[in-house]
Amino acid sequence: MATQATDRSEALRHEFVVGLKNAHAMEQQALSIMDRQIEHLARYAEVEQRLRSHRGETEHQVERLERILASLGETHSTVKDITMSISGSLAALAHSFASDEILKNSFANMAFENFEKASYKALIIMAEAGGYREAVPLLEETLREEEAMITFLDETLPAVVTKYLSLRAAGEQASH
């Protein structure tokens, strides 16, 4: 019986640590994506400002993840971080050549933020199941930030699309 409990505890810990490392890499990807997008938002000041703000939040999210990992005697995966950072840069770069870059980025950001939201919800469940209660408030703080970003993206999408259409109709550069 003790072996089963130990096996379960080790399995929960393993999945939680893997999830934390994946989240850390995901946030590195997010930073790369935001850095590339911020460079191209001159015509969408409100979006640029919010992305800059969320970038700061993301840096704090990385710190929180590192704090949780350290409390478990673990560190982030440098290989995953680098891979995801490069992936984020390439994804954002691919959109930069599109005439509707702002729209593609808006859609991708909405999808990415919802992915992050689901990831943090899962990490909270894992933390609770594994008895890592000290991690829960840190993860909940990040979850609230991701939910706030989703709300912003959802609420500003109509204005972004409308401005994009207006600029295109006037023959102006509409994406950045």
C-alpha atoms as a PDB file:
ATOM      1  CA  MET A   1       0.000   0.000   0.000  1.00  0.00           C
ATOM      2  CA  ALA A   2       2.817   2.427   0.847  1.00  0.00           C
ATOM      3  CA  THR A   3       4.441   1.679  -2.512  1.00  0.00           C
ATOM      4  CA  GLN A   4       1.267   2.573  -4.398  1.00  0.00           C
ATOM      5  CA  ALA A   5       1.007   5.861  -2.527  1.00  0.00           C
ATOM      6  CA  THR A   6       4.681   6.605  -3.209  1.00  0.00           C
ATOM      7  CA  ASP A   7       4.295   5.705  -6.884  1.00  0.00           C
ATOM      8  CA  ARG A   8       1.239   7.956  -7.157  1.00  0.00           C
ATOM      9  CA  SER A   9       3.039  10.794  -5.382  1.00  0.00           C
ATOM     10  CA  GLU A  10       6.082  10.447  -7.641  1.00  0.00           C
ATOM     11  CA  ALA A  11       3.878  10.338 -10.747  1.00  0.00           C
ATOM     12  CA  LEU A  12       2.004  13.469  -9.664  1.00  0.00           C
ATOM     13  CA  ARG A  13       5.260  15.270  -8.920  1.00  0.00           C
ATOM     14  CA  HIS A  14       6.723  14.238 -12.266  1.00  0.00           C
ATOM     15  CA  GLU A  15       3.696  15.496 -14.221  1.00  0.00           C
ATOM     16  CA  PHE A  16       3.608  18.732 -12.259  1.00  0.00           C
ATOM     17  CA  VAL A  17       7.322  19.411 -12.850  1.00  0.00           C
ATOM     18  CA  VAL A  18       7.001  18.606 -16.556  1.00  0.00           C
ATOM     19  CA  GLY A  19       3.989  20.918 -16.749  1.00  0.00           C
ATOM     20  CA  LEU A  20       5.898  23.713 -15.014  1.00  0.00           C
ATOM     21  CA  LYS A  21       8.864  23.313 -17.367  1.00  0.00           C
ATOM     22  CA  ASN A  22       6.511  23.331 -20.350  1.00  0.00           C
ATOM     23  CA  ALA A  23       4.803  26.463 -19.033  1.00  0.00           C
ATOM     24  CA  HIS A  24       8.191  28.136 -18.591  1.00  0.00           C
ATOM     25  CA  ALA A  25       9.068  27.330 -22.216  1.00  0.00           C
ATOM     26  CA  MET A  26       5.605  28.498 -23.316  1.00  0.00           C
ATOM     27  CA  GLU A  27       6.210  31.856 -21.629  1.00  0.00           C
ATOM     28  CA  GLN A  28       9.585  32.159 -23.380  1.00  0.00           C
ATOM     29  CA  GLN A  29       7.708  31.621 -26.630  1.00  0.00           C
ATOM     30  CA  ALA A  30       5.178  34.271 -25.613  1.00  0.00           C
ATOM     31  CA  LEU A  31       7.957  36.785 -24.943  1.00  0.00           C
ATOM     32  CA  SER A  32       9.433  36.173 -28.403  1.00  0.00           C
ATOM     33  CA  ILE A  33       6.050  36.547 -30.057  1.00  0.00           C
ATOM     34  CA  MET A  34       5.271  39.767 -28.200  1.00  0.00           C
ATOM     35  CA  ASP A  35       8.686  41.273 -28.927  1.00  0.00           C
ATOM     36  CA  ARG A  36       8.218  40.735 -32.661  1.00  0.00           C
ATOM     37  CA  GLN A  37       4.621  41.999 -32.654  1.00  0.00           C
ATOM     38  CA  ILE A  38       5.315  45.121 -30.605  1.00  0.00           C
ATOM     39  CA  GLU A  39       7.701  46.270 -33.336  1.00  0.00           C
ATOM     40  CA  HIS A  40       4.796  46.329 -35.828  1.00  0.00           C
ATOM     41  CA  LEU A  41       1.964  48.032 -33.967  1.00  0.00           C
ATOM     42  CA  ALA A  42       2.489  51.728 -34.657  1.00  0.00           C
ATOM     43  CA  ARG A  43      -1.061  52.095 -36.016  1.00  0.00           C
ATOM     44  CA  TYR A  44      -2.620  50.164 -33.122  1.00  0.00           C
ATOM     45  CA  ALA A  45      -1.368  52.035 -30.052  1.00  0.00           C
ATOM     46  CA  GLU A  46      -3.854  50.469 -27.623  1.00  0.00           C
ATOM     47  CA  VAL A  47      -2.807  46.951 -28.641  1.00  0.00           C
ATOM     48  CA  GLU A  48       0.871  47.909 -28.501  1.00  0.00           C
ATOM     49  CA  GLN A  49       0.471  49.381 -25.027  1.00  0.00           C
ATOM     50  CA  ARG A  50      -1.373  46.306 -23.725  1.00  0.00           C
ATOM     51  CA  LEU A  51       1.175  43.929 -25.250  1.00  0.00           C
ATOM     52  CA  ARG A  52       3.983  45.884 -23.599  1.00  0.00           C
ATOM     53  CA  SER A  53       2.138  45.630 -20.289  1.00  0.00           C
ATOM     54  CA  HIS A  54       1.470  41.923 -20.761  1.00  0.00           C
ATOM     55  CA  ARG A  55       5.116  41.405 -21.629  1.00  0.00           C
ATOM     56  CA  GLY A  56       5.978  42.710 -18.163  1.00  0.00           C
ATOM     57  CA  GLU A  57       3.379  40.388 -16.649  1.00  0.00           C
ATOM     58  CA  THR A  58       4.886  37.515 -18.602  1.00  0.00           C
ATOM     59  CA  GLU A  59       8.329  38.241 -17.172  1.00  0.00           C
ATOM     60  CA  HIS A  60       6.780  37.999 -13.687  1.00  0.00           C
ATOM     61  CA  GLN A  61       5.037  34.768 -14.706  1.00  0.00           C
ATOM     62  CA  VAL A  62       8.427  33.317 -15.650  1.00  0.00           C
ATOM     63  CA  GLU A  63       9.783  34.360 -12.245  1.00  0.00           C
ATOM     64  CA  ARG A  64       6.835  32.718 -10.473  1.00  0.00           C
ATOM     65  CA  LEU A  65       7.375  29.489 -12.410  1.00  0.00           C
ATOM     66  CA  GLU A  66      11.069  29.552 -11.526  1.00  0.00           C
ATOM     67  CA  ARG A  67      10.171  30.082  -7.870  1.00  0.00           C
ATOM     68  CA  ILE A  68       7.840  27.068  -7.909  1.00  0.00           C
ATOM     69  CA  LEU A  69      10.408  24.926  -9.709  1.00  0.00           C
ATOM     70  CA  ALA A  70      13.109  25.974  -7.211  1.00  0.00           C
ATOM     71  CA  SER A  71      10.831  25.038  -4.313  1.00  0.00           C
ATOM     72  CA  LEU A  72      10.735  21.544  -5.819  1.00  0.00           C
ATOM     73  CA  GLY A  73      14.506  21.439  -6.309  1.00  0.00           C
ATOM     74  CA  GLU A  74      14.086  21.763 -10.069  1.00  0.00           C
ATOM     75  CA  THR A  75      15.014  24.225 -12.802  1.00  0.00           C
ATOM     76  CA  HIS A  76      13.523  25.094 -16.163  1.00  0.00           C
ATOM     77  CA  SER A  77      14.585  23.283 -19.326  1.00  0.00           C
ATOM     78  CA  THR A  78      17.007  25.453 -21.277  1.00  0.00           C
ATOM     79  CA  VAL A  79      16.536  23.320 -24.388  1.00  0.00           C
ATOM     80  CA  LYS A  80      12.740  23.689 -24.257  1.00  0.00           C
ATOM     81  CA  ASP A  81      13.055  27.408 -23.555  1.00  0.00           C
ATOM     82  CA  ILE A  82      15.362  28.039 -26.521  1.00  0.00           C
ATOM     83  CA  THR A  83      13.304  25.871 -28.847  1.00  0.00           C
ATOM     84  CA  MET A  84      10.051  27.581 -27.927  1.00  0.00           C
ATOM     85  CA  SER A  85      11.618  31.042 -28.102  1.00  0.00           C
ATOM     86  CA  ILE A  86      12.848  30.375 -31.628  1.00  0.00           C
ATOM     87  CA  SER A  87       9.463  28.913 -32.524  1.00  0.00           C
ATOM     88  CA  GLY A  88       7.731  32.058 -31.260  1.00  0.00           C
ATOM     89  CA  SER A  89      10.033  34.314 -33.247  1.00  0.00           C
ATOM     90  CA  LEU A  90       9.444  32.317 -36.420  1.00  0.00           C
ATOM     91  CA  ALA A  91       5.669  32.295 -35.943  1.00  0.00           C
ATOM     92  CA  ALA A  92       5.563  36.059 -35.489  1.00  0.00           C
ATOM     93  CA  LEU A  93       7.971  36.575 -38.382  1.00  0.00           C
ATOM     94  CA  ALA A  94       5.736  34.531 -40.696  1.00  0.00           C
ATOM     95  CA  HIS A  95       2.825  36.904 -40.050  1.00  0.00           C
ATOM     96  CA  SER A  96       4.960  40.000 -40.611  1.00  0.00           C
ATOM     97  CA  PHE A  97       4.936  39.425 -44.377  1.00  0.00           C
ATOM     98  CA  ALA A  98       1.152  39.278 -44.586  1.00  0.00           C
ATOM     99  CA  SER A  99      -0.832  42.343 -45.616  1.00  0.00           C
ATOM    100  CA  ASP A 100      -3.285  41.463 -42.836  1.00  0.00           C
ATOM    101  CA  GLU A 101      -0.599  40.906 -40.212  1.00  0.00           C
ATOM    102  CA  ILE A 102      -2.592  42.649 -37.463  1.00  0.00           C
ATOM    103  CA  LEU A 103      -5.561  40.349 -38.025  1.00  0.00           C
ATOM    104  CA  LYS A 104      -3.473  37.183 -38.110  1.00  0.00           C
ATOM    105  CA  ASN A 105      -1.654  38.261 -34.938  1.00  0.00           C
ATOM    106  CA  SER A 106      -4.946  39.103 -33.222  1.00  0.00           C
ATOM    107  CA  PHE A 107      -6.336  35.650 -33.982  1.00  0.00           C
ATOM    108  CA  ALA A 108      -3.095  33.913 -32.988  1.00  0.00           C
ATOM    109  CA  ASN A 109      -2.880  35.902 -29.750  1.00  0.00           C
ATOM    110  CA  MET A 110      -6.412  34.908 -28.802  1.00  0.00           C
ATOM    111  CA  ALA A 111      -5.601  31.245 -29.422  1.00  0.00           C
ATOM    112  CA  PHE A 112      -2.272  31.450 -27.581  1.00  0.00           C
ATOM    113  CA  GLU A 113      -3.733  33.189 -24.525  1.00  0.00           C
ATOM    114  CA  ASN A 114      -6.492  30.577 -24.294  1.00  0.00           C
ATOM    115  CA  PHE A 115      -3.833  27.848 -24.533  1.00  0.00           C
ATOM    116  CA  GLU A 116      -1.975  29.507 -21.666  1.00  0.00           C
ATOM    117  CA  LYS A 117      -5.188  29.768 -19.654  1.00  0.00           C
ATOM    118  CA  ALA A 118      -5.850  26.047 -20.077  1.00  0.00           C
ATOM    119  CA  SER A 119      -2.235  25.258 -19.151  1.00  0.00           C
ATOM    120  CA  TYR A 120      -2.443  27.196 -15.898  1.00  0.00           C
ATOM    121  CA  LYS A 121      -5.804  25.685 -15.005  1.00  0.00           C
ATOM    122  CA  ALA A 122      -4.249  22.243 -15.467  1.00  0.00           C
ATOM    123  CA  LEU A 123      -1.210  23.205 -13.383  1.00  0.00           C
ATOM    124  CA  ILE A 124      -3.472  24.367 -10.561  1.00  0.00           C
ATOM    125  CA  ILE A 125      -5.280  21.029 -10.620  1.00  0.00           C
ATOM    126  CA  MET A 126      -1.925  19.207 -10.590  1.00  0.00           C
ATOM    127  CA  ALA A 127      -0.643  21.352  -7.714  1.00  0.00           C
ATOM    128  CA  GLU A 128      -3.756  20.630  -5.669  1.00  0.00           C
ATOM    129  CA  ALA A 129      -3.672  16.894  -6.481  1.00  0.00           C
ATOM    130  CA  GLY A 130       0.013  16.670  -5.574  1.00  0.00           C
ATOM    131  CA  GLY A 131      -0.300  18.688  -2.374  1.00  0.00           C
ATOM    132  CA  TYR A 132       1.766  21.612  -3.664  1.00  0.00           C
ATOM    133  CA  ARG A 133      -0.512  24.185  -2.063  1.00  0.00           C
ATOM    134  CA  GLU A 134       2.152  26.916  -1.950  1.00  0.00           C
ATOM    135  CA  ALA A 135       2.223  26.914  -5.760  1.00  0.00           C
ATOM    136  CA  VAL A 136      -1.520  27.458  -6.168  1.00  0.00           C
ATOM    137  CA  PRO A 137      -1.675  31.217  -5.390  1.00  0.00           C
ATOM    138  CA  LEU A 138       1.236  31.882  -7.753  1.00  0.00           C
ATOM    139  CA  LEU A 139      -0.421  29.921 -10.544  1.00  0.00           C
ATOM    140  CA  GLU A 140      -3.784  31.565  -9.845  1.00  0.00           C
ATOM    141  CA  GLU A 141      -2.185  34.997 -10.160  1.00  0.00           C
ATOM    142  CA  THR A 142      -0.847  34.056 -13.583  1.00  0.00           C
ATOM    143  CA  LEU A 143      -4.204  32.587 -14.578  1.00  0.00           C
ATOM    144  CA  ARG A 144      -5.915  35.888 -13.710  1.00  0.00           C
ATOM    145  CA  GLU A 145      -3.399  37.778 -15.862  1.00  0.00           C
ATOM    146  CA  GLU A 146      -4.002  35.449 -18.803  1.00  0.00           C
ATOM    147  CA  GLU A 147      -7.776  35.787 -18.397  1.00  0.00           C
ATOM    148  CA  ALA A 148      -7.437  39.587 -18.348  1.00  0.00           C
ATOM    149  CA  MET A 149      -5.428  39.467 -21.558  1.00  0.00           C
ATOM    150  CA  ILE A 150      -8.055  37.246 -23.181  1.00  0.00           C
ATOM    151  CA  THR A 151     -10.732  39.753 -22.181  1.00  0.00           C
ATOM    152  CA  PHE A 152      -8.707  42.613 -23.654  1.00  0.00           C
ATOM    153  CA  LEU A 153      -8.149  40.756 -26.929  1.00  0.00           C
ATOM    154  CA  ASP A 154     -11.809  39.815 -27.155  1.00  0.00           C
ATOM    155  CA  GLU A 155     -13.034  43.314 -26.412  1.00  0.00           C
ATOM    156  CA  THR A 156     -10.621  45.063 -28.780  1.00  0.00           C
ATOM    157  CA  LEU A 157     -10.958  42.692 -31.744  1.00  0.00           C
ATOM    158  CA  PRO A 158     -13.919  44.617 -33.227  1.00  0.00           C
ATOM    159  CA  ALA A 159     -11.981  47.897 -33.050  1.00  0.00           C
ATOM    160  CA  VAL A 160      -8.868  46.331 -34.561  1.00  0.00           C
ATOM    161  CA  VAL A 161     -10.797  44.798 -37.455  1.00  0.00           C
ATOM    162  CA  THR A 162     -12.737  48.013 -38.048  1.00  0.00           C
ATOM    163  CA  LYS A 163      -9.566  50.126 -38.068  1.00  0.00           C
ATOM    164  CA  TYR A 164      -7.842  47.620 -40.345  1.00  0.00           C
ATOM    165  CA  LEU A 165     -10.737  47.750 -42.816  1.00  0.00           C
ATOM    166  CA  SER A 166     -10.874  51.548 -42.700  1.00  0.00           C
ATOM    167  CA  LEU A 167      -7.154  51.893 -43.372  1.00  0.00           C
ATOM    168  CA  ARG A 168      -7.265  49.353 -46.203  1.00  0.00           C
ATOM    169  CA  ALA A 169     -10.272  51.100 -47.781  1.00  0.00           C
ATOM    170  CA  ALA A 170      -8.323  54.381 -47.673  1.00  0.00           C
ATOM    171  CA  GLY A 171      -5.370  52.691 -49.389  1.00  0.00           C
ATOM    172  CA  GLU A 172      -3.146  53.083 -46.350  1.00  0.00           C
ATOM    173  CA  GLN A 173      -0.806  50.627 -44.664  1.00  0.00           C
ATOM    174  CA  ALA A 174      -3.141  48.754 -42.350  1.00  0.00           C
ATOM    175  CA  SER A 175      -1.023  46.156 -40.664  1.00  0.00           C
ATOM    176  CA  HIS A 176       1.724  48.151 -39.007  1.00  0.00           C
END
